[in-house]
Amino acid sequence: MAPQPEEAPKPSPEESREWTMRFLRALGVDASLPASAERPGAHSALVRALLSSATVSSSPAPRVSCTLTVSSAATNAYNTLHGGAVAAVAEAVGMACARAAAGDKEMFLGELSTAYLSAARLDSEVEVEGLILRKGRSVVVTTVEFRLKDSKKLCYTSRATFYIMPVASL
C-alpha cells in the first residue's frame, strides 16, 4: 500500500491576506491613475480612440458601422483584443444605434451579453456594425457584430438592451 501524501499546512488568515496583497501589488493595484484618467468622460474618450471611420445610416432601421484597429493598448496577455474592450465598444456602438433610433431621449444600459467566438489579433482591423433588433416605447434592443476586415470572419457578437427613461410629469 502506498504511503499517504502529507497534507500541506493551511496558511493563517494573516499569511493568506499577505499573499493576496502581494499578488495584487504585483498587478499594479496600488499604483495611482494618471490625472487624465480622473477627468469626466475619460472612459468614453478611451473607447472613441479605438474606433475610426464611423458612419450612421438613417434607413428605416438605423445602422452604425465603424472600424477598430487592435492596438497594444487594447490587448490582453495573448496579444488579442481584450474582452473588456470588446464590451466597451459594443456598449458605445449599441448606444449610438439606439440614439439614432430613439432620438436624444435619456436612456441607460440595462443588459449586455457578449459571445467571444474568435480572437482578433494585434494590428488586425475589425469591422464593427450595430443594428436595431427591437424598438419600443421604453426599450431598444441592439446587436453589435465584430468581423475581421480581411476575412469577414465573425469574432464577437453582442446584444444590448437600453431602457428609455420616462419623462417626468409635473
N, C-alpha and C. Protein backbone atom coordinates (compact mmCIF):
# COMPACT_ATOMS: atom_id res chain seq x y z
N MET A 1 0.84 -1.18 0.00
CA MET A 1 0.00 0.00 0.00
C MET A 1 0.88 1.24 0.00
N ALA A 2 0.54 2.22 -0.86
CA ALA A 2 1.34 3.44 -0.99
C ALA A 2 1.13 4.34 0.22
N PRO A 3 2.20 5.03 0.63
CA PRO A 3 2.04 5.94 1.77
C PRO A 3 1.14 7.12 1.40
N GLN A 4 0.40 7.58 2.38
CA GLN A 4 -0.49 8.73 2.18
C GLN A 4 0.34 10.01 2.04
N PRO A 5 0.01 10.87 1.06
CA PRO A 5 0.75 12.13 0.94
C PRO A 5 0.46 13.04 2.13
N GLU A 6 1.48 13.78 2.51
CA GLU A 6 1.30 14.71 3.62
C GLU A 6 0.47 15.89 3.16
N GLU A 7 -0.43 16.31 4.02
CA GLU A 7 -1.27 17.46 3.70
C GLU A 7 -0.51 18.72 4.10
N ALA A 8 -0.45 19.66 3.16
CA ALA A 8 0.25 20.92 3.43
C ALA A 8 -0.52 21.70 4.50
N PRO A 9 0.22 22.33 5.42
CA PRO A 9 -0.48 23.09 6.45
C PRO A 9 -1.20 24.29 5.82
N LYS A 10 -2.37 24.58 6.35
CA LYS A 10 -3.13 25.72 5.85
C LYS A 10 -2.49 27.01 6.35
N PRO A 11 -2.45 28.04 5.47
CA PRO A 11 -1.89 29.31 5.95
C PRO A 11 -2.86 29.98 6.93
N SER A 12 -2.29 30.76 7.81
CA SER A 12 -3.13 31.51 8.74
C SER A 12 -3.85 32.60 7.96
N PRO A 13 -4.92 33.15 8.52
CA PRO A 13 -5.60 34.25 7.82
C PRO A 13 -4.66 35.43 7.52
N GLU A 14 -3.72 35.69 8.43
CA GLU A 14 -2.77 36.80 8.21
C GLU A 14 -1.84 36.48 7.04
N GLU A 15 -1.34 35.23 6.97
CA GLU A 15 -0.48 34.84 5.84
C GLU A 15 -1.25 34.89 4.53
N SER A 16 -2.47 34.42 4.55
CA SER A 16 -3.31 34.43 3.35
C SER A 16 -3.54 35.87 2.88
N ARG A 17 -3.81 36.77 3.81
CA ARG A 17 -4.03 38.18 3.49
C ARG A 17 -2.76 38.78 2.88
N GLU A 18 -1.60 38.46 3.44
CA GLU A 18 -0.32 38.98 2.94
C GLU A 18 -0.04 38.46 1.53
N TRP A 19 -0.29 37.19 1.27
CA TRP A 19 -0.07 36.62 -0.07
C TRP A 19 -0.98 37.30 -1.10
N THR A 20 -2.22 37.53 -0.70
CA THR A 20 -3.17 38.19 -1.60
C THR A 20 -2.74 39.62 -1.90
N MET A 21 -2.32 40.35 -0.89
CA MET A 21 -1.87 41.73 -1.09
C MET A 21 -0.63 41.78 -1.97
N ARG A 22 0.30 40.84 -1.78
CA ARG A 22 1.49 40.79 -2.60
C ARG A 22 1.12 40.53 -4.07
N PHE A 23 0.17 39.63 -4.29
CA PHE A 23 -0.30 39.35 -5.65
C PHE A 23 -0.93 40.59 -6.28
N LEU A 24 -1.79 41.30 -5.54
CA LEU A 24 -2.44 42.49 -6.07
C LEU A 24 -1.44 43.61 -6.35
N ARG A 25 -0.44 43.78 -5.48
CA ARG A 25 0.58 44.80 -5.72
C ARG A 25 1.38 44.49 -6.98
N ALA A 26 1.66 43.20 -7.21
CA ALA A 26 2.39 42.80 -8.43
C ALA A 26 1.58 43.15 -9.69
N LEU A 27 0.26 43.16 -9.58
CA LEU A 27 -0.59 43.55 -10.70
C LEU A 27 -0.67 45.06 -10.89
N GLY A 28 -0.20 45.81 -9.90
CA GLY A 28 -0.22 47.27 -10.00
C GLY A 28 -1.45 47.91 -9.39
N VAL A 29 -2.12 47.19 -8.50
CA VAL A 29 -3.35 47.71 -7.91
C VAL A 29 -3.11 48.96 -7.07
N ASP A 30 -1.96 49.06 -6.42
CA ASP A 30 -1.73 50.22 -5.56
C ASP A 30 -1.17 51.42 -6.32
N ALA A 31 -0.96 51.29 -7.63
CA ALA A 31 -0.47 52.42 -8.42
C ALA A 31 -1.59 53.43 -8.62
N SER A 32 -1.25 54.69 -8.63
CA SER A 32 -2.28 55.72 -8.82
C SER A 32 -2.52 55.94 -10.32
N LEU A 33 -3.72 56.32 -10.64
CA LEU A 33 -4.08 56.59 -12.03
C LEU A 33 -3.55 57.95 -12.45
N PRO A 34 -3.24 58.13 -13.72
CA PRO A 34 -2.83 59.46 -14.17
C PRO A 34 -3.99 60.44 -14.07
N ALA A 35 -3.70 61.71 -13.99
CA ALA A 35 -4.73 62.74 -13.84
C ALA A 35 -5.72 62.71 -15.00
N SER A 36 -5.25 62.37 -16.20
CA SER A 36 -6.15 62.35 -17.36
C SER A 36 -7.25 61.30 -17.20
N ALA A 37 -7.00 60.25 -16.43
CA ALA A 37 -8.00 59.20 -16.23
C ALA A 37 -9.08 59.61 -15.24
N GLU A 38 -8.83 60.67 -14.47
CA GLU A 38 -9.78 61.12 -13.47
C GLU A 38 -10.78 62.13 -14.02
N ARG A 39 -10.56 62.63 -15.25
CA ARG A 39 -11.47 63.61 -15.83
C ARG A 39 -12.79 62.97 -16.21
N PRO A 40 -13.88 63.75 -16.16
CA PRO A 40 -15.17 63.22 -16.63
C PRO A 40 -15.08 62.87 -18.12
N GLY A 41 -15.65 61.77 -18.50
CA GLY A 41 -15.64 61.36 -19.90
C GLY A 41 -14.38 60.66 -20.34
N ALA A 42 -13.48 60.32 -19.42
CA ALA A 42 -12.22 59.67 -19.79
C ALA A 42 -12.47 58.30 -20.40
N HIS A 43 -13.43 57.58 -19.86
CA HIS A 43 -13.76 56.25 -20.39
C HIS A 43 -14.26 56.36 -21.83
N SER A 44 -15.15 57.31 -22.11
CA SER A 44 -15.67 57.49 -23.46
C SER A 44 -14.56 57.87 -24.43
N ALA A 45 -13.63 58.69 -23.99
CA ALA A 45 -12.52 59.09 -24.85
C ALA A 45 -11.64 57.88 -25.18
N LEU A 46 -11.43 56.99 -24.22
CA LEU A 46 -10.65 55.78 -24.48
C LEU A 46 -11.32 54.90 -25.54
N VAL A 47 -12.62 54.72 -25.42
CA VAL A 47 -13.35 53.89 -26.38
C VAL A 47 -13.35 54.55 -27.76
N ARG A 48 -13.60 55.85 -27.80
CA ARG A 48 -13.60 56.56 -29.10
C ARG A 48 -12.23 56.51 -29.76
N ALA A 49 -11.17 56.47 -28.97
CA ALA A 49 -9.82 56.41 -29.54
C ALA A 49 -9.57 55.08 -30.26
N LEU A 50 -10.28 54.03 -29.87
CA LEU A 50 -10.12 52.74 -30.53
C LEU A 50 -10.82 52.70 -31.89
N LEU A 51 -11.88 53.49 -32.04
CA LEU A 51 -12.72 53.43 -33.23
C LEU A 51 -12.32 54.49 -34.25
N SER A 52 -12.57 54.18 -35.53
CA SER A 52 -12.34 55.17 -36.58
C SER A 52 -13.36 54.97 -37.68
N SER A 53 -13.48 55.93 -38.52
CA SER A 53 -14.36 55.95 -39.70
C SER A 53 -15.77 55.46 -39.40
N ALA A 54 -16.42 56.09 -38.42
CA ALA A 54 -17.77 55.70 -38.07
C ALA A 54 -18.77 56.32 -39.04
N THR A 55 -19.77 55.54 -39.43
CA THR A 55 -20.86 56.03 -40.28
C THR A 55 -22.18 55.57 -39.68
N VAL A 56 -23.19 56.41 -39.85
CA VAL A 56 -24.53 56.08 -39.38
C VAL A 56 -25.45 56.18 -40.58
N SER A 57 -26.16 55.10 -40.88
CA SER A 57 -27.13 55.15 -41.97
C SER A 57 -28.49 55.45 -41.35
N SER A 58 -29.25 56.30 -42.00
CA SER A 58 -30.55 56.69 -41.45
C SER A 58 -31.68 56.03 -42.24
N SER A 59 -31.50 54.76 -42.53
CA SER A 59 -32.57 54.00 -43.18
C SER A 59 -33.67 53.76 -42.15
N PRO A 60 -34.75 53.10 -42.52
CA PRO A 60 -35.80 52.85 -41.50
C PRO A 60 -35.27 52.19 -40.24
N ALA A 61 -34.30 51.28 -40.39
CA ALA A 61 -33.65 50.69 -39.23
C ALA A 61 -32.22 51.20 -39.19
N PRO A 62 -31.91 52.14 -38.27
CA PRO A 62 -30.57 52.72 -38.23
C PRO A 62 -29.48 51.67 -38.07
N ARG A 63 -28.34 51.95 -38.68
CA ARG A 63 -27.19 51.05 -38.67
C ARG A 63 -25.95 51.91 -38.40
N VAL A 64 -25.11 51.48 -37.48
CA VAL A 64 -23.87 52.19 -37.17
C VAL A 64 -22.71 51.27 -37.53
N SER A 65 -21.79 51.76 -38.36
CA SER A 65 -20.62 50.98 -38.77
C SER A 65 -19.36 51.75 -38.46
N CYS A 66 -18.32 51.06 -38.04
CA CYS A 66 -17.03 51.68 -37.79
C CYS A 66 -15.94 50.63 -37.86
N THR A 67 -14.71 51.09 -37.84
CA THR A 67 -13.55 50.21 -37.91
C THR A 67 -12.76 50.33 -36.62
N LEU A 68 -12.30 49.20 -36.13
CA LEU A 68 -11.48 49.16 -34.92
C LEU A 68 -10.15 48.51 -35.29
N THR A 69 -9.05 49.22 -35.04
CA THR A 69 -7.73 48.64 -35.25
C THR A 69 -7.22 48.19 -33.89
N VAL A 70 -6.88 46.93 -33.78
CA VAL A 70 -6.45 46.36 -32.49
C VAL A 70 -5.04 46.87 -32.18
N SER A 71 -4.95 47.77 -31.21
CA SER A 71 -3.66 48.33 -30.80
C SER A 71 -3.20 47.64 -29.52
N SER A 72 -1.94 47.83 -29.19
CA SER A 72 -1.39 47.18 -27.99
C SER A 72 -2.06 47.67 -26.72
N ALA A 73 -2.64 48.88 -26.75
CA ALA A 73 -3.31 49.42 -25.57
C ALA A 73 -4.60 48.65 -25.25
N ALA A 74 -5.15 47.93 -26.23
CA ALA A 74 -6.42 47.24 -26.03
C ALA A 74 -6.28 45.73 -26.12
N THR A 75 -5.06 45.22 -25.90
CA THR A 75 -4.87 43.78 -25.99
C THR A 75 -4.65 43.17 -24.61
N ASN A 76 -4.81 41.86 -24.56
CA ASN A 76 -4.56 41.12 -23.33
C ASN A 76 -3.18 40.46 -23.41
N ALA A 77 -2.89 39.54 -22.52
CA ALA A 77 -1.57 38.89 -22.47
C ALA A 77 -1.30 38.02 -23.69
N TYR A 78 -2.34 37.66 -24.42
CA TYR A 78 -2.19 36.82 -25.62
C TYR A 78 -2.10 37.64 -26.91
N ASN A 79 -1.99 38.96 -26.78
CA ASN A 79 -1.95 39.89 -27.92
C ASN A 79 -3.19 39.79 -28.79
N THR A 80 -4.33 39.59 -28.15
CA THR A 80 -5.61 39.64 -28.84
C THR A 80 -6.46 40.71 -28.17
N LEU A 81 -7.51 41.14 -28.84
CA LEU A 81 -8.37 42.20 -28.31
C LEU A 81 -8.94 41.79 -26.96
N HIS A 82 -8.77 42.66 -25.98
CA HIS A 82 -9.20 42.40 -24.61
C HIS A 82 -10.72 42.33 -24.55
N GLY A 83 -11.24 41.40 -23.78
CA GLY A 83 -12.69 41.22 -23.66
C GLY A 83 -13.39 42.45 -23.12
N GLY A 84 -12.75 43.18 -22.22
CA GLY A 84 -13.34 44.41 -21.70
C GLY A 84 -13.45 45.48 -22.77
N ALA A 85 -12.46 45.52 -23.67
CA ALA A 85 -12.51 46.48 -24.78
C ALA A 85 -13.64 46.11 -25.73
N VAL A 86 -13.85 44.82 -25.97
CA VAL A 86 -14.96 44.37 -26.82
C VAL A 86 -16.28 44.84 -26.22
N ALA A 87 -16.47 44.63 -24.93
CA ALA A 87 -17.72 45.01 -24.27
C ALA A 87 -17.91 46.53 -24.27
N ALA A 88 -16.84 47.29 -24.04
CA ALA A 88 -16.95 48.76 -24.03
C ALA A 88 -17.31 49.29 -25.41
N VAL A 89 -16.70 48.74 -26.45
CA VAL A 89 -17.02 49.16 -27.82
C VAL A 89 -18.44 48.75 -28.17
N ALA A 90 -18.85 47.55 -27.77
CA ALA A 90 -20.22 47.09 -28.05
C ALA A 90 -21.24 48.02 -27.38
N GLU A 91 -20.97 48.45 -26.17
CA GLU A 91 -21.88 49.37 -25.48
C GLU A 91 -21.95 50.71 -26.22
N ALA A 92 -20.79 51.25 -26.62
CA ALA A 92 -20.76 52.55 -27.29
C ALA A 92 -21.47 52.50 -28.64
N VAL A 93 -21.21 51.47 -29.43
CA VAL A 93 -21.83 51.36 -30.75
C VAL A 93 -23.32 51.07 -30.59
N GLY A 94 -23.69 50.23 -29.63
CA GLY A 94 -25.10 49.95 -29.37
C GLY A 94 -25.84 51.20 -28.94
N MET A 95 -25.22 52.01 -28.09
CA MET A 95 -25.85 53.26 -27.64
C MET A 95 -26.02 54.23 -28.81
N ALA A 96 -25.01 54.32 -29.68
CA ALA A 96 -25.13 55.19 -30.85
C ALA A 96 -26.28 54.74 -31.74
N CYS A 97 -26.42 53.45 -31.90
CA CYS A 97 -27.50 52.89 -32.71
C CYS A 97 -28.86 53.17 -32.05
N ALA A 98 -28.94 52.99 -30.74
CA ALA A 98 -30.19 53.25 -30.01
C ALA A 98 -30.56 54.72 -30.08
N ARG A 99 -29.58 55.60 -29.96
CA ARG A 99 -29.86 57.05 -30.06
C ARG A 99 -30.31 57.43 -31.46
N ALA A 100 -29.76 56.77 -32.48
CA ALA A 100 -30.19 57.05 -33.86
C ALA A 100 -31.65 56.63 -34.05
N ALA A 101 -32.09 55.61 -33.32
CA ALA A 101 -33.46 55.14 -33.46
C ALA A 101 -34.44 55.90 -32.56
N ALA A 102 -34.01 56.24 -31.35
CA ALA A 102 -34.93 56.83 -30.36
C ALA A 102 -34.74 58.33 -30.18
N GLY A 103 -33.76 58.91 -30.81
CA GLY A 103 -33.52 60.35 -30.64
C GLY A 103 -32.70 60.62 -29.39
N ASP A 104 -32.79 61.84 -28.90
CA ASP A 104 -31.99 62.26 -27.76
C ASP A 104 -32.65 61.98 -26.41
N LYS A 105 -33.51 60.99 -26.37
CA LYS A 105 -34.13 60.64 -25.09
C LYS A 105 -33.07 60.07 -24.17
N GLU A 106 -33.25 60.32 -22.88
CA GLU A 106 -32.30 59.81 -21.91
C GLU A 106 -32.51 58.31 -21.74
N MET A 107 -31.43 57.53 -21.82
CA MET A 107 -31.54 56.07 -21.70
C MET A 107 -30.33 55.52 -20.96
N PHE A 108 -30.46 54.28 -20.53
CA PHE A 108 -29.35 53.63 -19.83
C PHE A 108 -29.27 52.18 -20.26
N LEU A 109 -28.08 51.61 -20.13
CA LEU A 109 -27.84 50.22 -20.48
C LEU A 109 -28.40 49.33 -19.38
N GLY A 110 -29.30 48.41 -19.76
CA GLY A 110 -29.88 47.51 -18.79
C GLY A 110 -29.21 46.15 -18.80
N GLU A 111 -28.82 45.69 -19.99
CA GLU A 111 -28.21 44.36 -20.11
C GLU A 111 -27.29 44.35 -21.31
N LEU A 112 -26.17 43.66 -21.17
CA LEU A 112 -25.22 43.49 -22.27
C LEU A 112 -24.68 42.07 -22.20
N SER A 113 -24.86 41.32 -23.28
CA SER A 113 -24.28 39.98 -23.33
C SER A 113 -23.39 39.90 -24.56
N THR A 114 -22.25 39.27 -24.39
CA THR A 114 -21.28 39.17 -25.48
C THR A 114 -20.83 37.74 -25.64
N ALA A 115 -20.77 37.30 -26.89
CA ALA A 115 -20.24 35.97 -27.22
C ALA A 115 -18.88 36.17 -27.85
N TYR A 116 -17.86 35.56 -27.26
CA TYR A 116 -16.49 35.65 -27.75
C TYR A 116 -16.24 34.40 -28.60
N LEU A 117 -16.34 34.53 -29.92
CA LEU A 117 -16.29 33.39 -30.82
C LEU A 117 -14.89 33.09 -31.33
N SER A 118 -14.11 34.13 -31.58
CA SER A 118 -12.77 34.00 -32.13
C SER A 118 -11.98 35.22 -31.68
N ALA A 119 -10.68 35.19 -31.85
CA ALA A 119 -9.85 36.30 -31.37
C ALA A 119 -9.44 37.22 -32.51
N ALA A 120 -9.36 38.51 -32.20
CA ALA A 120 -8.83 39.49 -33.13
C ALA A 120 -7.42 39.82 -32.66
N ARG A 121 -6.43 39.52 -33.46
CA ARG A 121 -5.02 39.68 -33.09
C ARG A 121 -4.55 41.12 -33.17
N LEU A 122 -3.43 41.39 -32.53
CA LEU A 122 -2.80 42.70 -32.54
C LEU A 122 -2.59 43.18 -33.98
N ASP A 123 -2.86 44.44 -34.24
CA ASP A 123 -2.72 45.12 -35.53
C ASP A 123 -3.72 44.68 -36.58
N SER A 124 -4.70 43.85 -36.24
CA SER A 124 -5.72 43.49 -37.23
C SER A 124 -6.82 44.55 -37.21
N GLU A 125 -7.54 44.65 -38.33
CA GLU A 125 -8.65 45.59 -38.42
C GLU A 125 -9.95 44.82 -38.30
N VAL A 126 -10.85 45.38 -37.51
CA VAL A 126 -12.13 44.73 -37.23
C VAL A 126 -13.24 45.68 -37.63
N GLU A 127 -14.20 45.19 -38.42
CA GLU A 127 -15.38 45.97 -38.76
C GLU A 127 -16.42 45.76 -37.68
N VAL A 128 -16.96 46.85 -37.16
CA VAL A 128 -17.95 46.79 -36.09
C VAL A 128 -19.25 47.35 -36.66
N GLU A 129 -20.34 46.59 -36.53
CA GLU A 129 -21.61 47.05 -37.07
C GLU A 129 -22.71 46.84 -36.05
N GLY A 130 -23.45 47.90 -35.78
CA GLY A 130 -24.57 47.85 -34.84
C GLY A 130 -25.89 47.99 -35.55
N LEU A 131 -26.87 47.19 -35.15
CA LEU A 131 -28.21 47.19 -35.75
C LEU A 131 -29.27 47.20 -34.65
N ILE A 132 -30.45 47.70 -34.99
CA ILE A 132 -31.58 47.66 -34.07
C ILE A 132 -32.31 46.33 -34.26
N LEU A 133 -32.54 45.62 -33.18
CA LEU A 133 -33.35 44.40 -33.25
C LEU A 133 -34.81 44.71 -32.95
N ARG A 134 -35.04 45.49 -31.88
CA ARG A 134 -36.39 45.89 -31.49
C ARG A 134 -36.36 47.29 -30.92
N LYS A 135 -37.42 48.03 -31.21
CA LYS A 135 -37.56 49.36 -30.63
C LYS A 135 -39.00 49.51 -30.15
N GLY A 136 -39.14 49.85 -28.89
CA GLY A 136 -40.46 50.08 -28.31
C GLY A 136 -40.50 51.44 -27.66
N ARG A 137 -41.58 51.69 -26.91
CA ARG A 137 -41.72 52.98 -26.23
C ARG A 137 -40.68 53.17 -25.14
N SER A 138 -40.34 52.07 -24.46
CA SER A 138 -39.45 52.20 -23.30
C SER A 138 -38.18 51.36 -23.40
N VAL A 139 -37.98 50.66 -24.52
CA VAL A 139 -36.80 49.80 -24.64
C VAL A 139 -36.32 49.77 -26.08
N VAL A 140 -35.00 49.68 -26.24
CA VAL A 140 -34.37 49.50 -27.55
C VAL A 140 -33.37 48.36 -27.39
N VAL A 141 -33.46 47.36 -28.27
CA VAL A 141 -32.54 46.22 -28.23
C VAL A 141 -31.67 46.28 -29.48
N THR A 142 -30.36 46.22 -29.28
CA THR A 142 -29.42 46.31 -30.40
C THR A 142 -28.55 45.06 -30.44
N THR A 143 -27.97 44.82 -31.60
CA THR A 143 -26.96 43.78 -31.74
C THR A 143 -25.74 44.42 -32.40
N VAL A 144 -24.57 44.00 -31.96
CA VAL A 144 -23.31 44.53 -32.50
C VAL A 144 -22.45 43.34 -32.91
N GLU A 145 -22.00 43.37 -34.16
CA GLU A 145 -21.14 42.29 -34.66
C GLU A 145 -19.74 42.82 -34.95
N PHE A 146 -18.74 42.04 -34.61
CA PHE A 146 -17.34 42.35 -34.85
C PHE A 146 -16.81 41.32 -35.85
N ARG A 147 -16.38 41.77 -37.04
CA ARG A 147 -15.85 40.87 -38.08
C ARG A 147 -14.46 41.32 -38.48
N LEU A 148 -13.56 40.35 -38.71
CA LEU A 148 -12.24 40.69 -39.23
C LEU A 148 -12.41 41.27 -40.62
N LYS A 149 -11.72 42.37 -40.89
CA LYS A 149 -11.92 43.08 -42.15
C LYS A 149 -11.45 42.28 -43.35
N ASP A 150 -10.35 41.57 -43.22
CA ASP A 150 -9.80 40.86 -44.39
C ASP A 150 -10.56 39.57 -44.72
N SER A 151 -10.99 38.80 -43.71
CA SER A 151 -11.64 37.51 -43.98
C SER A 151 -13.15 37.52 -43.73
N LYS A 152 -13.68 38.60 -43.17
CA LYS A 152 -15.11 38.71 -42.81
C LYS A 152 -15.54 37.68 -41.77
N LYS A 153 -14.58 37.10 -41.07
CA LYS A 153 -14.86 36.10 -40.04
C LYS A 153 -15.46 36.80 -38.81
N LEU A 154 -16.56 36.24 -38.28
CA LEU A 154 -17.22 36.79 -37.11
C LEU A 154 -16.40 36.46 -35.86
N CYS A 155 -15.97 37.50 -35.15
CA CYS A 155 -15.15 37.31 -33.94
C CYS A 155 -15.99 37.39 -32.66
N TYR A 156 -16.78 38.45 -32.55
CA TYR A 156 -17.56 38.69 -31.34
C TYR A 156 -18.94 39.17 -31.76
N THR A 157 -19.92 38.88 -30.94
CA THR A 157 -21.26 39.41 -31.16
C THR A 157 -21.84 39.80 -29.81
N SER A 158 -22.52 40.93 -29.76
CA SER A 158 -23.09 41.43 -28.51
C SER A 158 -24.54 41.82 -28.73
N ARG A 159 -25.30 41.68 -27.68
CA ARG A 159 -26.69 42.14 -27.69
C ARG A 159 -26.86 43.03 -26.47
N ALA A 160 -27.40 44.22 -26.70
CA ALA A 160 -27.56 45.19 -25.61
C ALA A 160 -29.01 45.64 -25.53
N THR A 161 -29.50 45.78 -24.31
CA THR A 161 -30.84 46.29 -24.06
C THR A 161 -30.71 47.64 -23.37
N PHE A 162 -31.26 48.66 -24.01
CA PHE A 162 -31.24 50.01 -23.46
C PHE A 162 -32.66 50.39 -23.05
N TYR A 163 -32.80 50.93 -21.84
CA TYR A 163 -34.10 51.36 -21.35
C TYR A 163 -34.20 52.87 -21.46
N ILE A 164 -35.31 53.33 -22.01
CA ILE A 164 -35.56 54.77 -22.17
C ILE A 164 -36.19 55.28 -20.89
N MET A 165 -35.62 56.36 -20.36
CA MET A 165 -36.12 56.93 -19.12
C MET A 165 -37.48 57.58 -19.37
N PRO A 166 -38.45 57.34 -18.49
CA PRO A 166 -39.75 58.00 -18.67
C PRO A 166 -39.63 59.50 -18.39
N VAL A 167 -40.44 60.27 -19.10
CA VAL A 167 -40.45 61.71 -18.92
C VAL A 167 -41.24 62.02 -17.65
N ALA A 168 -40.67 62.86 -16.80
CA ALA A 168 -41.36 63.22 -15.55
C ALA A 168 -42.54 64.13 -15.86
N SER A 169 -43.66 63.82 -15.25
CA SER A 169 -44.83 64.68 -15.43
C SER A 169 -45.05 65.46 -14.14
N LEU A 170 -45.00 66.76 -14.25
CA LEU A 170 -45.13 67.62 -13.07
C LEU A 170 -46.48 68.28 -13.03
